Amino acid sequence: MDVLYFAWVRERIGLPRERVQTDAATVADLVAELAAREDRYAAAFADLSALRVALDQELSGFDAPLAGVREVAFFPPMTGG
């Protein structure tokens, strides 16, 4: 699946996107796999309350299943006016 990183998540990891092979069942499982890779991922995923996730461009939760998902995007909460 494609994993996309936006804003400070991208800055900490150093990549805008990557293709990931995973057996993770949920977003939380994927986050755990990524965070275990190396320090830059661990730093990006240290505080999940500061992150949002979208699956195939739809806002989702970290407990959402990944079966059939083609794209996962991580980004900070958005504010606007």
N, C-alpha and C. Protein backbone atom coordinates (compact mmCIF):
# COMPACT_ATOMS: atom_id res chain seq x y z
N MET A 1 0.84 -1.17 0.00
CA MET A 1 0.00 0.00 0.00
C MET A 1 0.89 1.23 0.00
N ASP A 2 0.34 2.35 -0.44
CA ASP A 2 1.05 3.62 -0.40
C ASP A 2 0.79 4.30 0.93
N VAL A 3 1.85 4.80 1.54
CA VAL A 3 1.73 5.55 2.79
C VAL A 3 2.23 6.96 2.51
N LEU A 4 1.38 7.95 2.80
CA LEU A 4 1.70 9.35 2.55
C LEU A 4 1.87 10.08 3.87
N TYR A 5 2.83 11.01 3.88
CA TYR A 5 3.11 11.79 5.08
C TYR A 5 3.01 13.27 4.73
N PHE A 6 2.34 14.04 5.58
CA PHE A 6 2.14 15.46 5.32
C PHE A 6 2.65 16.31 6.47
N ALA A 7 3.02 17.55 6.16
CA ALA A 7 3.43 18.58 7.12
C ALA A 7 4.61 18.09 7.96
N TRP A 8 4.54 18.27 9.28
CA TRP A 8 5.68 17.91 10.13
C TRP A 8 5.93 16.40 10.17
N VAL A 9 4.93 15.60 9.85
CA VAL A 9 5.15 14.14 9.79
C VAL A 9 6.14 13.85 8.68
N ARG A 10 5.95 14.47 7.52
CA ARG A 10 6.87 14.31 6.39
C ARG A 10 8.25 14.83 6.76
N GLU A 11 8.31 15.96 7.46
CA GLU A 11 9.60 16.54 7.83
C GLU A 11 10.37 15.60 8.77
N ARG A 12 9.70 15.00 9.72
CA ARG A 12 10.38 14.10 10.66
C ARG A 12 10.84 12.82 10.00
N ILE A 13 10.01 12.27 9.13
CA ILE A 13 10.36 11.01 8.47
C ILE A 13 11.32 11.24 7.30
N GLY A 14 11.18 12.38 6.64
CA GLY A 14 12.07 12.69 5.53
C GLY A 14 11.59 12.20 4.18
N LEU A 15 10.36 11.76 4.12
CA LEU A 15 9.77 11.25 2.87
C LEU A 15 8.35 11.77 2.72
N PRO A 16 7.93 12.09 1.49
CA PRO A 16 6.53 12.47 1.30
C PRO A 16 5.61 11.25 1.17
N ARG A 17 6.18 10.14 0.70
CA ARG A 17 5.38 8.92 0.51
C ARG A 17 6.32 7.74 0.34
N GLU A 18 5.77 6.56 0.56
CA GLU A 18 6.52 5.33 0.31
C GLU A 18 5.53 4.18 0.13
N ARG A 19 6.00 3.14 -0.52
CA ARG A 19 5.19 1.93 -0.68
C ARG A 19 5.63 0.97 0.43
N VAL A 20 4.64 0.45 1.15
CA VAL A 20 4.91 -0.39 2.32
C VAL A 20 4.25 -1.75 2.12
N GLN A 21 5.01 -2.80 2.36
CA GLN A 21 4.46 -4.16 2.41
C GLN A 21 4.21 -4.46 3.88
N THR A 22 3.00 -4.80 4.24
CA THR A 22 2.66 -5.03 5.64
C THR A 22 1.60 -6.10 5.79
N ASP A 23 1.64 -6.74 6.93
CA ASP A 23 0.59 -7.67 7.33
C ASP A 23 -0.25 -7.07 8.44
N ALA A 24 -0.08 -5.77 8.70
CA ALA A 24 -0.81 -5.09 9.77
C ALA A 24 -2.31 -5.21 9.53
N ALA A 25 -3.05 -5.49 10.60
CA ALA A 25 -4.49 -5.63 10.49
C ALA A 25 -5.20 -4.29 10.62
N THR A 26 -4.62 -3.39 11.41
CA THR A 26 -5.24 -2.08 11.65
C THR A 26 -4.22 -0.97 11.43
N VAL A 27 -4.72 0.26 11.42
CA VAL A 27 -3.83 1.41 11.32
C VAL A 27 -2.86 1.42 12.50
N ALA A 28 -3.35 1.14 13.69
CA ALA A 28 -2.48 1.12 14.88
C ALA A 28 -1.36 0.10 14.72
N ASP A 29 -1.66 -1.05 14.13
CA ASP A 29 -0.63 -2.06 13.89
C ASP A 29 0.41 -1.54 12.90
N LEU A 30 -0.04 -0.85 11.87
CA LEU A 30 0.87 -0.26 10.89
C LEU A 30 1.76 0.79 11.55
N VAL A 31 1.17 1.64 12.38
CA VAL A 31 1.94 2.65 13.10
C VAL A 31 3.02 1.99 13.95
N ALA A 32 2.67 0.92 14.63
CA ALA A 32 3.64 0.21 15.47
C ALA A 32 4.79 -0.34 14.62
N GLU A 33 4.47 -0.90 13.46
CA GLU A 33 5.51 -1.40 12.54
C GLU A 33 6.42 -0.27 12.09
N LEU A 34 5.82 0.83 11.67
CA LEU A 34 6.61 1.96 11.17
C LEU A 34 7.48 2.55 12.29
N ALA A 35 6.90 2.75 13.46
CA ALA A 35 7.64 3.35 14.58
C ALA A 35 8.83 2.49 14.99
N ALA A 36 8.73 1.18 14.79
CA ALA A 36 9.81 0.28 15.16
C ALA A 36 10.96 0.28 14.14
N ARG A 37 10.75 0.87 12.98
CA ARG A 37 11.77 0.88 11.93
C ARG A 37 13.05 1.59 12.36
N GLU A 38 12.89 2.83 12.80
CA GLU A 38 14.05 3.64 13.20
C GLU A 38 13.56 4.90 13.91
N ASP A 39 14.50 5.65 14.47
CA ASP A 39 14.16 6.79 15.32
C ASP A 39 13.31 7.85 14.65
N ARG A 40 13.54 8.12 13.37
CA ARG A 40 12.76 9.18 12.72
C ARG A 40 11.27 8.81 12.64
N TYR A 41 10.97 7.55 12.45
CA TYR A 41 9.57 7.10 12.45
C TYR A 41 9.02 7.14 13.87
N ALA A 42 9.82 6.69 14.83
CA ALA A 42 9.38 6.72 16.22
C ALA A 42 9.04 8.14 16.65
N ALA A 43 9.84 9.11 16.22
CA ALA A 43 9.58 10.51 16.56
C ALA A 43 8.28 11.00 15.92
N ALA A 44 8.05 10.61 14.69
CA ALA A 44 6.85 11.05 13.98
C ALA A 44 5.58 10.48 14.59
N PHE A 45 5.66 9.27 15.12
CA PHE A 45 4.48 8.60 15.65
C PHE A 45 4.46 8.55 17.18
N ALA A 46 5.26 9.38 17.83
CA ALA A 46 5.36 9.36 19.30
C ALA A 46 4.06 9.76 19.99
N ASP A 47 3.31 10.69 19.39
CA ASP A 47 2.09 11.19 20.03
C ASP A 47 0.93 11.08 19.03
N LEU A 48 0.21 9.99 19.10
CA LEU A 48 -0.87 9.76 18.13
C LEU A 48 -2.02 10.75 18.29
N SER A 49 -2.14 11.37 19.46
CA SER A 49 -3.20 12.37 19.63
C SER A 49 -2.94 13.60 18.77
N ALA A 50 -1.70 13.75 18.29
CA ALA A 50 -1.34 14.88 17.42
C ALA A 50 -1.41 14.50 15.95
N LEU A 51 -1.97 13.34 15.64
CA LEU A 51 -2.04 12.86 14.25
C LEU A 51 -3.47 12.52 13.86
N ARG A 52 -3.72 12.64 12.58
CA ARG A 52 -4.95 12.16 11.96
C ARG A 52 -4.55 11.20 10.86
N VAL A 53 -5.49 10.34 10.48
CA VAL A 53 -5.21 9.36 9.44
C VAL A 53 -6.39 9.32 8.47
N ALA A 54 -6.07 9.13 7.21
CA ALA A 54 -7.09 8.93 6.19
C ALA A 54 -6.77 7.65 5.44
N LEU A 55 -7.80 6.85 5.20
CA LEU A 55 -7.68 5.62 4.42
C LEU A 55 -8.39 5.83 3.10
N ASP A 56 -7.65 5.70 2.02
CA ASP A 56 -8.21 5.94 0.69
C ASP A 56 -8.95 7.27 0.65
N GLN A 57 -8.34 8.29 1.24
CA GLN A 57 -8.80 9.68 1.24
C GLN A 57 -10.06 9.92 2.06
N GLU A 58 -10.34 9.04 3.03
CA GLU A 58 -11.45 9.25 3.95
C GLU A 58 -10.92 9.22 5.37
N LEU A 59 -11.25 10.26 6.14
CA LEU A 59 -10.81 10.35 7.52
C LEU A 59 -11.22 9.09 8.28
N SER A 60 -10.30 8.58 9.08
CA SER A 60 -10.54 7.32 9.77
C SER A 60 -9.91 7.37 11.15
N GLY A 61 -9.99 6.25 11.85
CA GLY A 61 -9.40 6.14 13.18
C GLY A 61 -8.26 5.14 13.16
N PHE A 62 -7.48 5.15 14.23
CA PHE A 62 -6.33 4.26 14.31
C PHE A 62 -6.73 2.80 14.54
N ASP A 63 -7.98 2.56 14.90
CA ASP A 63 -8.45 1.19 15.08
C ASP A 63 -9.08 0.63 13.81
N ALA A 64 -9.07 1.40 12.73
CA ALA A 64 -9.69 0.97 11.48
C ALA A 64 -8.90 -0.17 10.83
N PRO A 65 -9.61 -1.13 10.24
CA PRO A 65 -8.93 -2.23 9.54
C PRO A 65 -8.30 -1.77 8.23
N LEU A 66 -7.22 -2.43 7.85
CA LEU A 66 -6.50 -2.08 6.63
C LEU A 66 -6.83 -2.98 5.44
N ALA A 67 -7.65 -3.99 5.65
CA ALA A 67 -8.00 -4.91 4.56
C ALA A 67 -8.56 -4.14 3.37
N GLY A 68 -7.94 -4.32 2.21
CA GLY A 68 -8.41 -3.68 0.99
C GLY A 68 -8.00 -2.23 0.81
N VAL A 69 -7.33 -1.65 1.78
CA VAL A 69 -6.91 -0.24 1.70
C VAL A 69 -5.71 -0.12 0.78
N ARG A 70 -5.75 0.88 -0.09
CA ARG A 70 -4.64 1.12 -1.02
C ARG A 70 -3.74 2.27 -0.60
N GLU A 71 -4.31 3.21 0.17
CA GLU A 71 -3.54 4.40 0.55
C GLU A 71 -3.85 4.81 1.98
N VAL A 72 -2.80 5.05 2.74
CA VAL A 72 -2.90 5.53 4.11
C VAL A 72 -2.16 6.86 4.17
N ALA A 73 -2.80 7.88 4.72
CA ALA A 73 -2.16 9.20 4.83
C ALA A 73 -2.15 9.63 6.29
N PHE A 74 -1.00 10.11 6.74
CA PHE A 74 -0.85 10.63 8.09
C PHE A 74 -0.59 12.12 8.03
N PHE A 75 -1.28 12.89 8.89
CA PHE A 75 -1.14 14.35 8.87
C PHE A 75 -1.58 14.90 10.21
N PRO A 76 -1.12 16.12 10.54
CA PRO A 76 -1.58 16.76 11.78
C PRO A 76 -3.00 17.26 11.62
N PRO A 77 -3.68 17.52 12.74
CA PRO A 77 -5.03 18.07 12.64
C PRO A 77 -5.01 19.39 11.88
N MET A 78 -6.05 19.61 11.11
CA MET A 78 -6.13 20.82 10.31
C MET A 78 -6.98 21.85 11.03
N THR A 79 -6.60 23.10 10.90
CA THR A 79 -7.44 24.18 11.37
C THR A 79 -7.60 25.15 10.21
N GLY A 80 -8.62 25.90 10.25
CA GLY A 80 -8.82 26.83 9.15
C GLY A 80 -9.98 27.75 9.45
N GLY A 81 -10.17 28.68 8.55
CA GLY A 81 -11.23 29.62 8.79
C GLY A 81 -11.92 30.00 7.52
